[in-house]
Amino acid sequence: MSGLLGGERFHFIVNHWPSRRNGEKSSRYLRVAAAELCKHIADSIRAADPEAKVVIMGDLNDDPANASVKKTLDAKGKIKDVKPEGLFNPMVTLRDAGVGTLGYQGSWNIFDQIIISGNMVGKDKSTFQFWKAEIFNRDFLMEQTGKYKGYPLRTFSDNTFINGYSDHFPVLIYLVKYYE
């Protein structure tokens, strides 16, 4: 999706990459292929308009440290490492803090990510710039008791409707722009 936000051209590449259903290793090539296509689209957009802001987002079914994100997209986790034509992944900081968007077998993953173009991590606040990222893990979205306490409150557990929301917590980023 492309359009204007506050007078600036933004391009949102919304993703749902292939699952790990048959195992992470056996399906890795599928997510790497999805990342290659995503990178190609982002690079094409930026080649046509170097000032365009690109946001890659969605359920990538991989963590920030997996090859599809870290190597194929080459998304950096530290702002100081990001070039204007590169990509920044603020989810790395959240992962390093030990939080996640979905729990599986007692550990957290951050499959839900928002990755932004390098031209959104500078100091020029006259244009939209990244401020911070967040996993929206409020109490009403969490299991409150039992074995899965603290995990996302699912809609279904096996074939039983449990009136939840999702098995993933939402993610968001905050952008700032100063108007004179």
Protein backbone atom coordinates (compact mmCIF):
# COMPACT_ATOMS: atom_id res chain seq x y z
CA MET A 1 0.00 0.00 0.00
CA SER A 2 1.31 3.43 -0.90
CA GLY A 3 0.10 6.89 -0.07
CA LEU A 4 0.72 10.16 1.69
CA LEU A 5 1.05 10.46 5.44
CA GLY A 6 1.45 14.02 6.65
CA GLY A 7 2.45 15.01 3.13
CA GLU A 8 5.19 12.39 2.88
CA ARG A 9 5.15 9.38 0.58
CA PHE A 10 4.98 6.09 2.49
CA HIS A 11 4.99 2.55 1.17
CA PHE A 12 3.79 -0.29 3.41
CA ILE A 13 4.77 -3.82 2.46
CA VAL A 14 2.48 -6.08 4.49
CA ASN A 15 3.65 -9.67 4.88
CA HIS A 16 2.68 -13.07 6.18
CA TRP A 17 5.65 -15.28 5.44
CA PRO A 18 5.46 -19.09 5.23
CA SER A 19 5.02 -20.92 8.51
CA ARG A 20 7.35 -23.25 10.34
CA ARG A 21 4.73 -25.98 10.42
CA ASN A 22 7.11 -28.74 9.29
CA GLY A 23 10.05 -27.32 11.22
CA GLU A 24 12.13 -24.15 11.09
CA LYS A 25 15.01 -25.66 9.13
CA SER A 26 12.93 -27.47 6.52
CA SER A 27 10.90 -24.33 5.76
CA ARG A 28 13.66 -21.72 6.11
CA TYR A 29 14.20 -21.44 2.34
CA LEU A 30 10.58 -20.33 1.93
CA ARG A 31 10.99 -17.41 4.34
CA VAL A 32 14.33 -16.48 2.76
CA ALA A 33 12.58 -16.39 -0.63
CA ALA A 34 9.83 -14.17 0.85
CA ALA A 35 12.53 -11.88 2.28
CA GLU A 36 14.30 -11.72 -1.09
CA LEU A 37 11.07 -10.62 -2.78
CA CYS A 38 10.35 -8.13 -0.02
CA LYS A 39 13.88 -6.66 -0.28
CA HIS A 40 13.54 -6.43 -4.06
CA ILE A 41 10.27 -4.51 -3.73
CA ALA A 42 11.71 -2.14 -1.10
CA ASP A 43 14.86 -1.54 -3.17
CA SER A 44 12.76 -0.87 -6.30
CA ILE A 45 10.63 1.66 -4.45
CA ARG A 46 13.69 3.45 -3.08
CA ALA A 47 15.42 3.39 -6.50
CA ALA A 48 12.41 5.15 -8.04
CA ASP A 49 12.08 7.60 -5.14
CA PRO A 50 15.04 7.80 -2.71
CA GLU A 51 12.99 9.98 -0.32
CA ALA A 52 10.18 7.41 -0.02
CA LYS A 53 9.60 5.95 3.41
CA VAL A 54 9.29 2.15 3.35
CA VAL A 55 7.72 0.10 6.13
CA ILE A 56 7.99 -3.70 6.03
CA MET A 57 5.58 -5.26 8.48
CA GLY A 58 3.73 -8.41 9.38
CA ASP A 59 4.05 -11.94 10.69
CA LEU A 60 7.42 -12.98 9.29
CA ASN A 61 7.43 -16.36 11.08
CA ASP A 62 11.07 -15.66 11.87
CA ASP A 63 12.81 -13.73 14.62
CA PRO A 64 15.01 -10.66 14.04
CA ALA A 65 18.14 -12.85 14.29
CA ASN A 66 17.02 -15.39 11.66
CA ALA A 67 18.73 -15.36 8.26
CA SER A 68 15.66 -14.10 6.38
CA VAL A 69 15.59 -10.88 8.40
CA LYS A 70 19.19 -10.37 9.49
CA LYS A 71 20.99 -11.46 6.32
CA THR A 72 18.53 -11.33 3.44
CA LEU A 73 16.80 -8.08 4.42
CA ASP A 74 20.04 -6.93 6.08
CA ALA A 75 17.91 -5.16 8.71
CA LYS A 76 20.16 -3.61 11.35
CA GLY A 77 19.26 -3.61 15.02
CA LYS A 78 21.21 -0.50 15.99
CA ILE A 79 20.46 2.91 14.54
CA LYS A 80 24.17 3.77 14.31
CA ASP A 81 24.63 0.83 11.89
CA VAL A 82 21.85 1.87 9.50
CA LYS A 83 22.65 3.64 6.25
CA PRO A 84 19.99 5.94 4.71
CA GLU A 85 19.35 3.34 1.98
CA GLY A 86 19.35 0.47 4.48
CA LEU A 87 16.76 -0.98 6.85
CA PHE A 88 16.32 -0.66 10.61
CA ASN A 89 14.64 -3.33 12.75
CA PRO A 90 13.56 -1.87 16.11
CA MET A 91 12.30 -5.30 17.17
CA VAL A 92 15.90 -6.33 17.90
CA THR A 93 15.89 -4.12 21.01
CA LEU A 94 12.62 -5.69 22.17
CA ARG A 95 13.98 -9.19 21.59
CA ASP A 96 17.10 -8.30 23.57
CA ALA A 97 14.82 -7.16 26.42
CA GLY A 98 13.33 -10.67 26.53
CA VAL A 99 9.83 -9.86 25.32
CA GLY A 100 7.98 -11.39 22.40
CA THR A 101 4.84 -11.41 20.33
CA LEU A 102 4.08 -15.11 20.73
CA GLY A 103 4.99 -17.79 23.20
CA TYR A 104 5.89 -21.31 22.16
CA GLN A 105 7.01 -24.15 24.42
CA GLY A 106 8.03 -21.80 27.23
CA SER A 107 9.96 -19.24 25.20
CA TRP A 108 9.15 -16.04 23.35
CA ASN A 109 9.51 -15.22 19.68
CA ILE A 110 9.12 -11.94 17.84
CA PHE A 111 7.65 -13.09 14.54
CA ASP A 112 5.58 -9.91 14.24
CA GLN A 113 7.91 -7.17 13.11
CA ILE A 114 7.98 -3.66 11.73
CA ILE A 115 11.12 -2.81 9.79
CA ILE A 116 11.68 0.69 8.42
CA SER A 117 13.82 2.35 5.80
CA GLY A 118 17.00 4.05 6.97
CA ASN A 119 15.73 7.50 6.08
CA MET A 120 13.42 7.29 9.13
CA VAL A 121 16.17 7.01 11.75
CA GLY A 122 17.96 10.32 11.34
CA LYS A 123 17.83 13.49 13.35
CA ASP A 124 15.82 15.63 10.89
CA LYS A 125 12.55 16.00 12.78
CA SER A 126 10.99 18.04 9.95
CA THR A 127 10.27 14.67 8.35
CA PHE A 128 8.80 11.58 10.01
CA GLN A 129 11.40 9.83 12.15
CA PHE A 130 11.34 6.72 14.30
CA TRP A 131 10.87 7.30 18.03
CA LYS A 132 10.19 3.89 19.53
CA ALA A 133 8.65 0.44 19.03
CA GLU A 134 6.29 -1.45 21.27
CA ILE A 135 4.68 -4.84 21.66
CA PHE A 136 1.07 -4.15 22.60
CA ASN A 137 0.75 -6.77 25.34
CA ARG A 138 -1.96 -5.35 27.58
CA ASP A 139 -3.67 -7.48 30.23
CA PHE A 140 -6.91 -7.83 28.27
CA LEU A 141 -4.95 -9.50 25.47
CA MET A 142 -3.30 -12.05 27.82
CA GLU A 143 -4.16 -15.36 29.37
CA GLN A 144 -4.69 -14.53 33.04
CA THR A 145 -4.40 -17.99 34.59
CA GLY A 146 -3.17 -21.49 33.98
CA LYS A 147 -0.36 -23.01 32.02
CA TYR A 148 -0.33 -20.22 29.43
CA LYS A 149 -0.57 -17.28 31.84
CA GLY A 150 0.97 -14.21 30.21
CA TYR A 151 0.71 -15.63 26.69
CA PRO A 152 -1.59 -14.03 24.11
CA LEU A 153 -5.27 -14.85 24.65
CA ARG A 154 -6.15 -16.96 21.61
CA THR A 155 -9.46 -17.10 19.82
CA PHE A 156 -9.31 -20.89 19.72
CA SER A 157 -7.46 -23.54 21.69
CA ASP A 158 -7.46 -26.63 19.51
CA ASN A 159 -11.09 -26.67 18.31
CA THR A 160 -12.52 -24.89 21.36
CA PHE A 161 -13.59 -21.25 21.04
CA ILE A 162 -12.17 -19.36 24.04
CA ASN A 163 -13.23 -15.83 23.07
CA GLY A 164 -9.74 -14.41 22.75
CA TYR A 165 -8.07 -12.20 20.17
CA SER A 166 -5.01 -13.83 18.63
CA ASP A 167 -2.08 -16.09 19.38
CA HIS A 168 0.19 -13.08 18.65
CA PHE A 169 0.47 -9.71 20.36
CA PRO A 170 0.28 -6.70 18.03
CA VAL A 171 3.32 -4.52 17.39
CA LEU A 172 3.53 -0.83 16.68
CA ILE A 173 6.00 1.95 16.08
CA TYR A 174 5.83 5.61 16.96
CA LEU A 175 6.98 8.21 14.47
CA VAL A 176 7.57 11.88 15.29
CA LYS A 177 7.55 14.98 13.13
CA TYR A 178 7.81 18.55 14.30
CA TYR A 179 5.68 21.14 12.55
CA GLU A 180 6.53 24.82 12.69
